[in-house]
C-alpha atoms as a PDB file:
ATOM      1  CA  MET A   1     -28.674   8.612 -19.205  1.00  0.00           C
ATOM      2  CA  THR A   2     -28.297   5.354 -17.309  1.00  0.00           C
ATOM      3  CA  THR A   3     -28.032   5.542 -13.557  1.00  0.00           C
ATOM      4  CA  HIS A   4     -26.048   3.012 -11.603  1.00  0.00           C
ATOM      5  CA  ALA A   5     -26.520   1.957  -8.040  1.00  0.00           C
ATOM      6  CA  PRO A   6     -23.604   2.766  -5.716  1.00  0.00           C
ATOM      7  CA  ALA A   7     -23.138  -0.984  -5.320  1.00  0.00           C
ATOM      8  CA  ASP A   8     -22.440  -1.230  -9.079  1.00  0.00           C
ATOM      9  CA  VAL A   9     -19.595   1.275  -8.725  1.00  0.00           C
ATOM     10  CA  PHE A  10     -18.026  -0.681  -5.898  1.00  0.00           C
ATOM     11  CA  GLU A  11     -18.496  -3.980  -7.711  1.00  0.00           C
ATOM     12  CA  ALA A  12     -16.563  -2.522 -10.653  1.00  0.00           C
ATOM     13  CA  MET A  13     -13.856  -1.231  -8.289  1.00  0.00           C
ATOM     14  CA  HIS A  14     -13.704  -4.639  -6.595  1.00  0.00           C
ATOM     15  CA  ASP A  15     -13.304  -6.417  -9.933  1.00  0.00           C
ATOM     16  CA  LEU A  16     -10.611  -3.964 -11.027  1.00  0.00           C
ATOM     17  CA  LEU A  17      -8.646  -4.338  -7.795  1.00  0.00           C
ATOM     18  CA  HIS A  18      -8.757  -8.137  -7.972  1.00  0.00           C
ATOM     19  CA  ALA A  19      -7.557  -8.110 -11.581  1.00  0.00           C
ATOM     20  CA  TYR A  20      -4.829  -5.611 -10.658  1.00  0.00           C
ATOM     21  CA  ARG A  21      -3.734  -7.692  -7.673  1.00  0.00           C
ATOM     22  CA  ALA A  22      -3.661 -10.910  -9.745  1.00  0.00           C
ATOM     23  CA  HIS A  23      -1.471  -9.179 -12.310  1.00  0.00           C
ATOM     24  CA  MET A  24       0.844  -7.835  -9.594  1.00  0.00           C
ATOM     25  CA  VAL A  25       1.101 -11.275  -7.952  1.00  0.00           C
ATOM     26  CA  ARG A  26       2.304 -12.714 -11.282  1.00  0.00           C
ATOM     27  CA  THR A  27       4.687  -9.780 -11.714  1.00  0.00           C
ATOM     28  CA  MET A  28       6.028 -10.176  -8.152  1.00  0.00           C
ATOM     29  CA  ALA A  29       6.652 -13.870  -8.783  1.00  0.00           C
ATOM     30  CA  ALA A  30       8.624 -12.970 -11.904  1.00  0.00           C
ATOM     31  CA  ILE A  31      10.678 -10.408  -9.957  1.00  0.00           C
ATOM     32  CA  HIS A  32      11.308 -12.743  -7.025  1.00  0.00           C
ATOM     33  CA  PRO A  33       9.509 -16.072  -6.509  1.00  0.00           C
ATOM     34  CA  ASP A  34       9.730 -15.978  -2.690  1.00  0.00           C
ATOM     35  CA  LEU A  35       7.860 -12.681  -2.255  1.00  0.00           C
ATOM     36  CA  THR A  36       4.465 -12.699  -0.597  1.00  0.00           C
ATOM     37  CA  HIS A  37       1.878  -9.960  -1.019  1.00  0.00           C
ATOM     38  CA  ASN A  38       2.296  -8.847   2.611  1.00  0.00           C
ATOM     39  CA  GLU A  39       6.070  -8.743   2.260  1.00  0.00           C
ATOM     40  CA  VAL A  40       5.701  -6.521  -0.789  1.00  0.00           C
ATOM     41  CA  ARG A  41       3.390  -4.199   1.137  1.00  0.00           C
ATOM     42  CA  ALA A  42       5.895  -4.012   3.993  1.00  0.00           C
ATOM     43  CA  LEU A  43       8.875  -3.438   1.691  1.00  0.00           C
ATOM     44  CA  MET A  44       7.011  -0.744  -0.226  1.00  0.00           C
ATOM     45  CA  PHE A  45       6.024   1.006   3.016  1.00  0.00           C
ATOM     46  CA  VAL A  46       9.538   0.905   4.461  1.00  0.00           C
ATOM     47  CA  GLY A  47      10.927   2.031   1.098  1.00  0.00           C
ATOM     48  CA  ARG A  48       8.602   5.044   1.126  1.00  0.00           C
ATOM     49  CA  HIS A  49       9.218   5.719   4.830  1.00  0.00           C
ATOM     50  CA  PRO A  50      12.855   4.911   5.688  1.00  0.00           C
ATOM     51  CA  GLY A  51      13.416   4.793   9.418  1.00  0.00           C
ATOM     52  CA  THR A  52       9.833   3.785  10.148  1.00  0.00           C
ATOM     53  CA  THR A  53       9.235   1.755  13.273  1.00  0.00           C
ATOM     54  CA  GLN A  54       7.671  -1.661  13.569  1.00  0.00           C
ATOM     55  CA  ARG A  55       4.743  -0.003  15.392  1.00  0.00           C
ATOM     56  CA  GLU A  56       4.134   2.250  12.371  1.00  0.00           C
ATOM     57  CA  LEU A  57       4.276  -0.785  10.107  1.00  0.00           C
ATOM     58  CA  VAL A  58       1.663  -2.497  12.301  1.00  0.00           C
ATOM     59  CA  ALA A  59      -0.602   0.559  12.043  1.00  0.00           C
ATOM     60  CA  HIS A  60      -0.170   0.703   8.263  1.00  0.00           C
ATOM     61  CA  SER A  61      -0.661  -3.000   7.596  1.00  0.00           C
ATOM     62  CA  GLY A  62      -3.551  -3.680   9.940  1.00  0.00           C
ATOM     63  CA  ALA A  63      -1.826  -6.915  10.973  1.00  0.00           C
ATOM     64  CA  ASP A  64      -1.172  -7.711  14.605  1.00  0.00           C
ATOM     65  CA  LYS A  65       2.177  -7.057  16.284  1.00  0.00           C
ATOM     66  CA  ALA A  66       3.207 -10.712  16.311  1.00  0.00           C
ATOM     67  CA  GLN A  67       2.537 -11.152  12.575  1.00  0.00           C
ATOM     68  CA  VAL A  68       4.509  -8.028  11.728  1.00  0.00           C
ATOM     69  CA  ALA A  69       7.366  -9.065  14.042  1.00  0.00           C
ATOM     70  CA  ARG A  70       7.589 -12.466  12.285  1.00  0.00           C
ATOM     71  CA  MET A  71       7.468 -10.837   8.855  1.00  0.00           C
ATOM     72  CA  VAL A  72      10.136  -8.260   9.771  1.00  0.00           C
ATOM     73  CA  GLY A  73      12.330 -11.108  11.017  1.00  0.00           C
ATOM     74  CA  MET A  74      11.841 -13.022   7.760  1.00  0.00           C
ATOM     75  CA  LEU A  75      12.597  -9.909   5.680  1.00  0.00           C
ATOM     76  CA  GLN A  76      15.780  -9.430   7.695  1.00  0.00           C
ATOM     77  CA  ASP A  77      16.703 -13.114   7.244  1.00  0.00           C
ATOM     78  CA  LYS A  78      16.235 -12.735   3.480  1.00  0.00           C
ATOM     79  CA  GLY A  79      18.577  -9.740   3.559  1.00  0.00           C
ATOM     80  CA  TRP A  80      15.970  -7.219   2.397  1.00  0.00           C
ATOM     81  CA  LEU A  81      15.471  -5.271   5.608  1.00  0.00           C
ATOM     82  CA  GLU A  82      17.743  -3.859   8.302  1.00  0.00           C
ATOM     83  CA  SER A  83      16.928  -2.415  11.690  1.00  0.00           C
ATOM     84  CA  ALA A  84      18.764  -0.048  13.978  1.00  0.00           C
ATOM     85  CA  PRO A  85      18.058   1.300  17.467  1.00  0.00           C
ATOM     86  CA  ASN A  86      15.623   4.189  17.529  1.00  0.00           C
ATOM     87  CA  ALA A  87      17.479   7.230  18.905  1.00  0.00           C
ATOM     88  CA  GLU A  88      14.200   8.706  20.171  1.00  0.00           C
ATOM     89  CA  ASP A  89      12.808   5.563  21.815  1.00  0.00           C
ATOM     90  CA  LYS A  90      15.233   2.883  22.995  1.00  0.00           C
ATOM     91  CA  ARG A  91      12.391   0.334  23.158  1.00  0.00           C
ATOM     92  CA  SER A  92      11.874   0.385  19.381  1.00  0.00           C
ATOM     93  CA  ARG A  93      13.929  -0.077  16.252  1.00  0.00           C
ATOM     94  CA  CYS A  94      13.959   1.846  12.980  1.00  0.00           C
ATOM     95  CA  LEU A  95      13.545  -0.139   9.781  1.00  0.00           C
ATOM     96  CA  ARG A  96      15.358   0.502   6.500  1.00  0.00           C
ATOM     97  CA  LEU A  97      15.776  -1.373   3.268  1.00  0.00           C
ATOM     98  CA  SER A  98      19.139  -3.059   2.791  1.00  0.00           C
ATOM     99  CA  ALA A  99      20.933  -2.518  -0.521  1.00  0.00           C
ATOM    100  CA  GLN A 100      19.367  -5.767  -1.756  1.00  0.00           C
ATOM    101  CA  GLY A 101      15.968  -4.643  -0.444  1.00  0.00           C
ATOM    102  CA  ALA A 102      16.327  -1.257  -2.133  1.00  0.00           C
ATOM    103  CA  ALA A 103      17.010  -2.954  -5.484  1.00  0.00           C
ATOM    104  CA  LEU A 104      13.946  -5.157  -4.984  1.00  0.00           C
ATOM    105  CA  HIS A 105      11.881  -2.099  -3.978  1.00  0.00           C
ATOM    106  CA  GLN A 106      12.939  -0.306  -7.158  1.00  0.00           C
ATOM    107  CA  ALA A 107      12.007  -3.299  -9.326  1.00  0.00           C
ATOM    108  CA  LEU A 108       8.587  -3.460  -7.651  1.00  0.00           C
ATOM    109  CA  ARG A 109       8.051   0.303  -8.069  1.00  0.00           C
ATOM    110  CA  ASP A 110       8.994   0.093 -11.736  1.00  0.00           C
ATOM    111  CA  ALA A 111       6.542  -2.785 -12.254  1.00  0.00           C
ATOM    112  CA  ARG A 112       3.730  -0.880 -10.525  1.00  0.00           C
ATOM    113  CA  ARG A 113       4.446   2.271 -12.514  1.00  0.00           C
ATOM    114  CA  GLY A 114       4.488   0.331 -15.759  1.00  0.00           C
ATOM    115  CA  LEU A 115       1.175  -1.322 -14.988  1.00  0.00           C
ATOM    116  CA  ALA A 116      -0.356   2.005 -13.902  1.00  0.00           C
ATOM    117  CA  ALA A 117       0.730   3.627 -17.167  1.00  0.00           C
ATOM    118  CA  SER A 118      -0.821   0.769 -19.134  1.00  0.00           C
ATOM    119  CA  LEU A 119      -4.072   0.938 -17.174  1.00  0.00           C
ATOM    120  CA  LEU A 120      -4.406   4.689 -17.614  1.00  0.00           C
ATOM    121  CA  LYS A 121      -3.461   4.692 -21.295  1.00  0.00           C
ATOM    122  CA  GLY A 122      -5.848   7.028 -23.082  1.00  0.00           C
ATOM    123  CA  CYS A 123      -6.669   8.996 -19.927  1.00  0.00           C
ATOM    124  CA  ASP A 124      -5.308  12.533 -20.161  1.00  0.00           C
ATOM    125  CA  ASP A 125      -3.980  14.474 -17.172  1.00  0.00           C
ATOM    126  CA  ALA A 126      -7.361  16.095 -16.484  1.00  0.00           C
ATOM    127  CA  THR A 127      -9.101  12.709 -16.432  1.00  0.00           C
ATOM    128  CA  GLN A 128      -6.482  11.279 -14.096  1.00  0.00           C
ATOM    129  CA  ALA A 129      -6.814  14.319 -11.797  1.00  0.00           C
ATOM    130  CA  GLN A 130     -10.595  13.869 -11.800  1.00  0.00           C
ATOM    131  CA  LEU A 131     -10.244  10.181 -10.936  1.00  0.00           C
ATOM    132  CA  LEU A 132      -7.862  11.019  -8.076  1.00  0.00           C
ATOM    133  CA  ALA A 133     -10.279  13.640  -6.742  1.00  0.00           C
ATOM    134  CA  LEU A 134     -13.201  11.218  -6.886  1.00  0.00           C
ATOM    135  CA  LEU A 135     -11.234   8.508  -5.114  1.00  0.00           C
ATOM    136  CA  ALA A 136     -10.115  11.007  -2.463  1.00  0.00           C
ATOM    137  CA  GLN A 137     -13.749  11.985  -1.868  1.00  0.00           C
ATOM    138  CA  VAL A 138     -14.798   8.342  -1.513  1.00  0.00           C
ATOM    139  CA  ARG A 139     -11.889   7.737   0.890  1.00  0.00           C
ATOM    140  CA  SER A 140     -12.847  10.803   2.905  1.00  0.00           C
ATOM    141  CA  ASN A 141     -16.409   9.495   3.155  1.00  0.00           C
ATOM    142  CA  LEU A 142     -15.095   6.122   4.346  1.00  0.00           C
ATOM    143  CA  ASP A 143     -12.835   7.771   6.919  1.00  0.00           C
ATOM    144  CA  ALA A 144     -15.808   9.773   8.181  1.00  0.00           C
ATOM    145  CA  ILE A 145     -17.811   6.559   8.629  1.00  0.00           C
ATOM    146  CA  ASP A 146     -14.882   4.912  10.416  1.00  0.00           C
ATOM    147  CA  THR A 147     -14.722   7.793  12.892  1.00  0.00           C
ATOM    148  CA  GLY A 148     -18.479   7.811  13.422  1.00  0.00           C
ATOM    149  CA  CYS A 149     -19.147  10.877  11.300  1.00  0.00           C
ATOM    150  CA  GLN A 150     -21.869  10.314   8.715  1.00  0.00           C
ATOM    151  CA  GLY A 151     -24.207  12.250   6.530  1.00  0.00           C
ATOM    152  CA  GLY A 152     -21.649  14.728   5.182  1.00  0.00           C
ATOM    153  CA  ARG A 153     -21.250  16.515   8.523  1.00  0.00           C
ATOM    154  CA  ASP A 154     -17.944  18.105   9.322  1.00  0.00           C
ATOM    155  CA  CYS A 155     -16.991  16.066  12.368  1.00  0.00           C
ATOM    156  CA  ARG A 156     -13.767  17.938  13.113  1.00  0.00           C
ATOM    157  CA  SER A 157     -15.560  20.683  14.987  1.00  0.00           C
END
């Protein structure tokens, strides 16, 4: 049995994600030539979380407030995003996809689902569940490092 260094695993994941992203960039351009990767991420987030606030979008994207504010303004100018006053906090606004944005969101979701099905062709449900569990474990380990918890300790106590 061949053993691989952890770095080999992450190099393979890195290569896969870059190939996936390159494919999605080409697909996004075919769906709408003016879409940027960050706009797609924002539209997908708002589509999954209708009524989200700009602050939540900042937290999700990792971009600064000014960048997100500019992008939200551009998405509104393009007619893909709408905002309304937040009933719970008058200082913020809730974001929703417009009808045009919802159609774009659906086209992007369909493209992602199609690519995912192609990439996982030949992987049965058990294999896909195993892959999800492994990725969740790796993510949990990363989250533990980010919060200063290392070495497999339960840092919630």
